[in-house]
Amino acid sequence: MAVSKKMVEAVFVVGLVVTMMNVWGGVSVEGAISCNQVVSAMTPCATYLLGNAATPAAACCPSIRGLDSQVKATPDRQAVCNCLKTQAQSYGVKLGKAANLPGLCKVTDLNVPISPNVDCSKVH
């Protein structure tokens, strides 16, 4: 059976997308929550977190609550913490706004500190 050029191209594109998702995610973390999931959930909040909006967008809190519902244990919170720590530094997130987000969105399990100095291994 001959492999078509289109099939080879499709496999290449899928491999490229997976590689880019890993690079874009920024860090590899332990836990059930991946950094890609965290970044995806935080994306609707970007204008607020970067300081361009006074309040979170309408889609922000539902997205954050969806992520919050996936956080089940300490390894999940530590994974979220590590991801947020790295991403906040990379993208210039306003730390005060990030600290207010769990309260604004009424989440409980996702309430992890976002700071360049936080030791995520101590988050429980």
N, C-alpha and C. Protein backbone atom coordinates (compact mmCIF):
# COMPACT_ATOMS: atom_id res chain seq x y z
N MET A 1 0.85 -1.18 0.00
CA MET A 1 0.00 0.00 0.00
C MET A 1 0.89 1.23 0.00
N ALA A 2 0.68 2.10 -0.94
CA ALA A 2 1.47 3.32 -1.08
C ALA A 2 0.92 4.40 -0.16
N VAL A 3 1.81 5.16 0.43
CA VAL A 3 1.43 6.27 1.29
C VAL A 3 1.29 7.51 0.42
N SER A 4 0.14 8.13 0.50
CA SER A 4 -0.08 9.30 -0.34
C SER A 4 0.63 10.52 0.22
N LYS A 5 0.88 11.47 -0.65
CA LYS A 5 1.53 12.72 -0.25
C LYS A 5 0.66 13.47 0.75
N LYS A 6 -0.66 13.43 0.57
CA LYS A 6 -1.57 14.13 1.48
C LYS A 6 -1.51 13.52 2.89
N MET A 7 -1.38 12.20 2.99
CA MET A 7 -1.30 11.56 4.29
C MET A 7 0.00 11.96 5.00
N VAL A 8 1.09 12.00 4.28
CA VAL A 8 2.36 12.42 4.85
C VAL A 8 2.26 13.86 5.33
N GLU A 9 1.65 14.73 4.52
CA GLU A 9 1.48 16.12 4.92
C GLU A 9 0.61 16.24 6.17
N ALA A 10 -0.46 15.45 6.25
CA ALA A 10 -1.35 15.49 7.40
C ALA A 10 -0.62 15.07 8.68
N VAL A 11 0.17 14.00 8.58
CA VAL A 11 0.93 13.54 9.74
C VAL A 11 1.94 14.62 10.16
N PHE A 12 2.58 15.24 9.20
CA PHE A 12 3.53 16.31 9.50
C PHE A 12 2.84 17.47 10.20
N VAL A 13 1.68 17.88 9.72
CA VAL A 13 0.94 19.00 10.31
C VAL A 13 0.52 18.67 11.74
N VAL A 14 0.02 17.46 11.97
CA VAL A 14 -0.38 17.06 13.32
C VAL A 14 0.83 17.10 14.25
N GLY A 15 1.95 16.56 13.79
CA GLY A 15 3.16 16.59 14.60
C GLY A 15 3.61 18.00 14.91
N LEU A 16 3.52 18.88 13.94
CA LEU A 16 3.91 20.28 14.12
C LEU A 16 2.99 20.96 15.14
N VAL A 17 1.69 20.71 15.05
CA VAL A 17 0.74 21.31 15.98
C VAL A 17 1.02 20.83 17.40
N VAL A 18 1.24 19.53 17.58
CA VAL A 18 1.53 19.00 18.92
C VAL A 18 2.81 19.63 19.47
N THR A 19 3.82 19.74 18.64
CA THR A 19 5.08 20.35 19.07
C THR A 19 4.86 21.79 19.47
N MET A 20 4.13 22.55 18.68
CA MET A 20 3.88 23.96 18.99
C MET A 20 3.06 24.10 20.27
N MET A 21 2.11 23.20 20.51
CA MET A 21 1.33 23.26 21.74
C MET A 21 2.24 23.03 22.95
N ASN A 22 3.19 22.12 22.83
CA ASN A 22 4.12 21.88 23.93
C ASN A 22 5.01 23.08 24.16
N VAL A 23 5.48 23.70 23.10
CA VAL A 23 6.33 24.88 23.23
C VAL A 23 5.51 26.03 23.78
N TRP A 24 4.32 26.24 23.26
CA TRP A 24 3.47 27.34 23.69
C TRP A 24 3.09 27.20 25.15
N GLY A 25 2.87 25.96 25.59
CA GLY A 25 2.52 25.73 26.99
C GLY A 25 3.59 26.20 27.94
N GLY A 26 4.84 26.21 27.50
CA GLY A 26 5.91 26.81 28.28
C GLY A 26 6.58 25.92 29.29
N VAL A 27 5.82 25.14 30.04
CA VAL A 27 6.43 24.34 31.08
C VAL A 27 5.80 22.97 31.11
N SER A 28 6.54 22.05 31.63
CA SER A 28 6.01 20.71 31.87
C SER A 28 5.76 20.60 33.36
N VAL A 29 4.56 20.23 33.75
CA VAL A 29 4.23 20.17 35.17
C VAL A 29 3.63 18.83 35.50
N GLU A 30 3.78 18.45 36.76
CA GLU A 30 3.17 17.23 37.25
C GLU A 30 1.73 17.54 37.61
N GLY A 31 0.86 16.56 37.51
CA GLY A 31 -0.53 16.75 37.88
C GLY A 31 -1.43 16.47 36.70
N ALA A 32 -2.71 16.41 36.99
CA ALA A 32 -3.68 16.09 35.96
C ALA A 32 -3.98 17.29 35.07
N ILE A 33 -3.68 18.48 35.53
CA ILE A 33 -3.96 19.69 34.78
C ILE A 33 -2.71 20.07 33.98
N SER A 34 -2.87 20.24 32.68
CA SER A 34 -1.73 20.64 31.86
C SER A 34 -1.66 22.16 31.78
N CYS A 35 -0.49 22.67 31.48
CA CYS A 35 -0.34 24.11 31.31
C CYS A 35 -1.17 24.59 30.12
N ASN A 36 -1.30 23.77 29.09
CA ASN A 36 -2.13 24.15 27.95
C ASN A 36 -3.58 24.36 28.39
N GLN A 37 -4.09 23.52 29.30
CA GLN A 37 -5.45 23.69 29.81
C GLN A 37 -5.58 25.00 30.57
N VAL A 38 -4.57 25.30 31.38
CA VAL A 38 -4.60 26.53 32.18
C VAL A 38 -4.58 27.75 31.26
N VAL A 39 -3.67 27.75 30.30
CA VAL A 39 -3.56 28.88 29.37
C VAL A 39 -4.86 29.05 28.59
N SER A 40 -5.43 27.95 28.14
CA SER A 40 -6.68 28.00 27.40
C SER A 40 -7.81 28.61 28.25
N ALA A 41 -7.87 28.20 29.52
CA ALA A 41 -8.91 28.72 30.41
C ALA A 41 -8.70 30.20 30.73
N MET A 42 -7.45 30.63 30.77
CA MET A 42 -7.14 32.01 31.11
C MET A 42 -7.27 32.97 29.92
N THR A 43 -7.27 32.45 28.72
CA THR A 43 -7.30 33.29 27.53
C THR A 43 -8.46 34.29 27.51
N PRO A 44 -9.69 33.91 27.89
CA PRO A 44 -10.77 34.91 27.90
C PRO A 44 -10.56 36.04 28.91
N CYS A 45 -9.61 35.85 29.83
CA CYS A 45 -9.33 36.85 30.87
C CYS A 45 -8.16 37.75 30.51
N ALA A 46 -7.58 37.54 29.34
CA ALA A 46 -6.33 38.21 28.99
C ALA A 46 -6.42 39.73 29.05
N THR A 47 -7.48 40.33 28.53
CA THR A 47 -7.54 41.79 28.52
C THR A 47 -7.58 42.35 29.94
N TYR A 48 -8.21 41.64 30.84
CA TYR A 48 -8.24 42.06 32.25
C TYR A 48 -6.87 41.85 32.89
N LEU A 49 -6.29 40.68 32.72
CA LEU A 49 -5.03 40.33 33.38
C LEU A 49 -3.84 41.14 32.88
N LEU A 50 -3.91 41.59 31.64
CA LEU A 50 -2.82 42.38 31.09
C LEU A 50 -3.00 43.87 31.36
N GLY A 51 -4.11 44.24 32.02
CA GLY A 51 -4.31 45.61 32.43
C GLY A 51 -5.09 46.48 31.48
N ASN A 52 -5.61 45.91 30.41
CA ASN A 52 -6.32 46.71 29.42
C ASN A 52 -7.81 46.87 29.70
N ALA A 53 -8.35 46.10 30.63
CA ALA A 53 -9.78 46.18 30.95
C ALA A 53 -9.96 46.33 32.46
N ALA A 54 -10.98 47.08 32.85
CA ALA A 54 -11.24 47.30 34.27
C ALA A 54 -11.88 46.09 34.94
N THR A 55 -12.62 45.31 34.17
CA THR A 55 -13.28 44.12 34.70
C THR A 55 -13.05 42.96 33.73
N PRO A 56 -13.15 41.72 34.23
CA PRO A 56 -12.98 40.57 33.33
C PRO A 56 -14.09 40.52 32.28
N ALA A 57 -13.74 40.00 31.10
CA ALA A 57 -14.72 39.81 30.03
C ALA A 57 -15.78 38.80 30.47
N ALA A 58 -16.93 38.84 29.83
CA ALA A 58 -18.04 37.96 30.19
C ALA A 58 -17.65 36.48 30.14
N ALA A 59 -16.80 36.10 29.22
CA ALA A 59 -16.41 34.69 29.08
C ALA A 59 -15.34 34.27 30.08
N CYS A 60 -14.74 35.21 30.78
CA CYS A 60 -13.62 34.91 31.67
C CYS A 60 -14.03 34.01 32.84
N CYS A 61 -14.97 34.45 33.64
CA CYS A 61 -15.32 33.70 34.85
C CYS A 61 -15.88 32.30 34.56
N PRO A 62 -16.76 32.13 33.58
CA PRO A 62 -17.17 30.76 33.28
C PRO A 62 -16.00 29.85 32.90
N SER A 63 -15.04 30.41 32.18
CA SER A 63 -13.86 29.63 31.80
C SER A 63 -13.02 29.27 33.03
N ILE A 64 -12.83 30.24 33.92
CA ILE A 64 -12.07 30.01 35.15
C ILE A 64 -12.79 29.01 36.04
N ARG A 65 -14.11 29.11 36.14
CA ARG A 65 -14.87 28.15 36.95
C ARG A 65 -14.78 26.75 36.36
N GLY A 66 -14.72 26.65 35.04
CA GLY A 66 -14.53 25.34 34.40
C GLY A 66 -13.19 24.72 34.78
N LEU A 67 -12.15 25.53 34.78
CA LEU A 67 -10.83 25.05 35.21
C LEU A 67 -10.86 24.70 36.68
N ASP A 68 -11.49 25.54 37.49
CA ASP A 68 -11.60 25.30 38.93
C ASP A 68 -12.24 23.94 39.22
N SER A 69 -13.23 23.57 38.42
CA SER A 69 -13.92 22.29 38.65
C SER A 69 -13.03 21.09 38.35
N GLN A 70 -11.95 21.30 37.60
CA GLN A 70 -11.01 20.22 37.28
C GLN A 70 -9.91 20.06 38.33
N VAL A 71 -9.75 21.07 39.18
CA VAL A 71 -8.71 21.02 40.21
C VAL A 71 -9.24 20.18 41.36
N LYS A 72 -8.62 19.01 41.56
CA LYS A 72 -9.12 18.07 42.54
C LYS A 72 -8.20 17.87 43.74
N ALA A 73 -6.90 18.09 43.58
CA ALA A 73 -5.96 17.75 44.64
C ALA A 73 -4.73 18.66 44.57
N THR A 74 -3.86 18.49 45.54
CA THR A 74 -2.64 19.29 45.63
C THR A 74 -1.81 19.27 44.35
N PRO A 75 -1.58 18.12 43.70
CA PRO A 75 -0.79 18.15 42.47
C PRO A 75 -1.41 19.03 41.38
N ASP A 76 -2.73 19.09 41.34
CA ASP A 76 -3.41 19.96 40.37
C ASP A 76 -3.13 21.42 40.69
N ARG A 77 -3.27 21.80 41.96
CA ARG A 77 -3.03 23.19 42.36
C ARG A 77 -1.57 23.58 42.11
N GLN A 78 -0.66 22.65 42.37
CA GLN A 78 0.76 22.93 42.13
C GLN A 78 1.04 23.07 40.64
N ALA A 79 0.39 22.25 39.82
CA ALA A 79 0.57 22.36 38.37
C ALA A 79 0.04 23.69 37.86
N VAL A 80 -1.13 24.11 38.35
CA VAL A 80 -1.70 25.40 37.97
C VAL A 80 -0.77 26.53 38.43
N CYS A 81 -0.27 26.43 39.65
CA CYS A 81 0.63 27.44 40.20
C CYS A 81 1.88 27.57 39.33
N ASN A 82 2.52 26.46 39.00
CA ASN A 82 3.74 26.50 38.17
C ASN A 82 3.46 27.11 36.81
N CYS A 83 2.36 26.75 36.22
CA CYS A 83 2.01 27.28 34.91
C CYS A 83 1.76 28.79 34.99
N LEU A 84 0.94 29.20 35.95
CA LEU A 84 0.61 30.62 36.08
C LEU A 84 1.84 31.45 36.41
N LYS A 85 2.71 30.91 37.23
CA LYS A 85 3.95 31.62 37.59
C LYS A 85 4.77 31.91 36.33
N THR A 86 4.95 30.90 35.52
CA THR A 86 5.74 31.03 34.29
C THR A 86 5.05 31.94 33.28
N GLN A 87 3.76 31.71 33.06
CA GLN A 87 3.03 32.48 32.06
C GLN A 87 2.89 33.94 32.47
N ALA A 88 2.67 34.20 33.76
CA ALA A 88 2.53 35.58 34.23
C ALA A 88 3.80 36.37 33.97
N GLN A 89 4.95 35.74 34.19
CA GLN A 89 6.22 36.41 33.92
C GLN A 89 6.41 36.64 32.43
N SER A 90 6.06 35.65 31.62
CA SER A 90 6.26 35.74 30.18
C SER A 90 5.41 36.81 29.51
N TYR A 91 4.18 36.98 30.00
CA TYR A 91 3.23 37.85 29.31
C TYR A 91 2.97 39.17 30.02
N GLY A 92 3.60 39.42 31.15
CA GLY A 92 3.42 40.69 31.84
C GLY A 92 2.07 40.85 32.50
N VAL A 93 1.57 39.78 33.10
CA VAL A 93 0.28 39.83 33.80
C VAL A 93 0.39 40.77 34.99
N LYS A 94 -0.64 41.57 35.19
CA LYS A 94 -0.71 42.46 36.34
C LYS A 94 -1.05 41.60 37.57
N LEU A 95 -0.10 41.46 38.48
CA LEU A 95 -0.24 40.52 39.60
C LEU A 95 -1.41 40.87 40.51
N GLY A 96 -1.68 42.14 40.71
CA GLY A 96 -2.82 42.54 41.54
C GLY A 96 -4.14 42.07 40.94
N LYS A 97 -4.26 42.22 39.63
CA LYS A 97 -5.48 41.77 38.96
C LYS A 97 -5.59 40.25 39.01
N ALA A 98 -4.47 39.57 38.85
CA ALA A 98 -4.48 38.11 38.92
C ALA A 98 -4.90 37.63 40.31
N ALA A 99 -4.44 38.33 41.34
CA ALA A 99 -4.80 37.98 42.71
C ALA A 99 -6.29 38.18 42.97
N ASN A 100 -6.91 39.15 42.29
CA ASN A 100 -8.34 39.42 42.48
C ASN A 100 -9.25 38.47 41.70
N LEU A 101 -8.72 37.82 40.70
CA LEU A 101 -9.55 37.02 39.80
C LEU A 101 -10.31 35.88 40.50
N PRO A 102 -9.69 35.09 41.39
CA PRO A 102 -10.47 34.02 42.05
C PRO A 102 -11.68 34.56 42.81
N GLY A 103 -11.52 35.68 43.49
CA GLY A 103 -12.65 36.27 44.22
C GLY A 103 -13.72 36.80 43.28
N LEU A 104 -13.30 37.47 42.21
CA LEU A 104 -14.26 38.00 41.24
C LEU A 104 -15.06 36.89 40.58
N CYS A 105 -14.40 35.76 40.35
CA CYS A 105 -15.06 34.65 39.66
C CYS A 105 -15.64 33.61 40.61
N LYS A 106 -15.45 33.84 41.91
CA LYS A 106 -16.00 32.95 42.94
C LYS A 106 -15.53 31.51 42.77
N VAL A 107 -14.22 31.33 42.68
CA VAL A 107 -13.64 29.99 42.61
C VAL A 107 -12.94 29.68 43.92
N THR A 108 -12.84 28.41 44.25
CA THR A 108 -12.26 28.01 45.53
C THR A 108 -10.98 27.20 45.36
N ASP A 109 -11.00 26.17 44.55
CA ASP A 109 -9.84 25.29 44.43
C ASP A 109 -8.71 25.89 43.62
N LEU A 110 -9.02 26.83 42.78
CA LEU A 110 -8.03 27.43 41.89
C LEU A 110 -7.33 28.62 42.54
N ASN A 111 -7.63 28.89 43.78
CA ASN A 111 -7.08 30.05 44.46
C ASN A 111 -5.62 29.79 44.83
N VAL A 112 -4.73 29.98 43.85
CA VAL A 112 -3.30 29.80 44.07
C VAL A 112 -2.61 31.15 43.87
N PRO A 113 -1.53 31.40 44.61
CA PRO A 113 -0.84 32.68 44.45
C PRO A 113 -0.17 32.79 43.09
N ILE A 114 -0.20 33.98 42.52
CA ILE A 114 0.48 34.22 41.26
C ILE A 114 1.54 35.28 41.55
N SER A 115 2.76 34.81 41.62
CA SER A 115 3.87 35.70 41.93
C SER A 115 5.15 35.06 41.40
N PRO A 116 6.09 35.87 40.96
CA PRO A 116 7.35 35.29 40.49
C PRO A 116 8.15 34.65 41.61
N ASN A 117 7.80 34.94 42.86
CA ASN A 117 8.55 34.43 44.01
C ASN A 117 7.88 33.27 44.73
N VAL A 118 6.70 32.88 44.30
CA VAL A 118 5.98 31.81 45.00
C VAL A 118 6.69 30.47 44.81
N ASP A 119 6.70 29.69 45.89
CA ASP A 119 7.23 28.32 45.83
C ASP A 119 6.02 27.40 45.65
N CYS A 120 5.78 27.00 44.43
CA CYS A 120 4.58 26.22 44.11
C CYS A 120 4.57 24.85 44.80
N SER A 121 5.73 24.36 45.20
CA SER A 121 5.76 23.06 45.90
C SER A 121 5.11 23.16 47.27
N LYS A 122 4.92 24.37 47.78
CA LYS A 122 4.30 24.57 49.08
C LYS A 122 2.81 24.86 48.99
N VAL A 123 2.28 24.91 47.77
CA VAL A 123 0.84 25.13 47.58
C VAL A 123 0.12 23.81 47.85
N HIS A 124 -0.89 23.88 48.69
CA HIS A 124 -1.66 22.67 49.01
C HIS A 124 -3.10 22.98 48.80
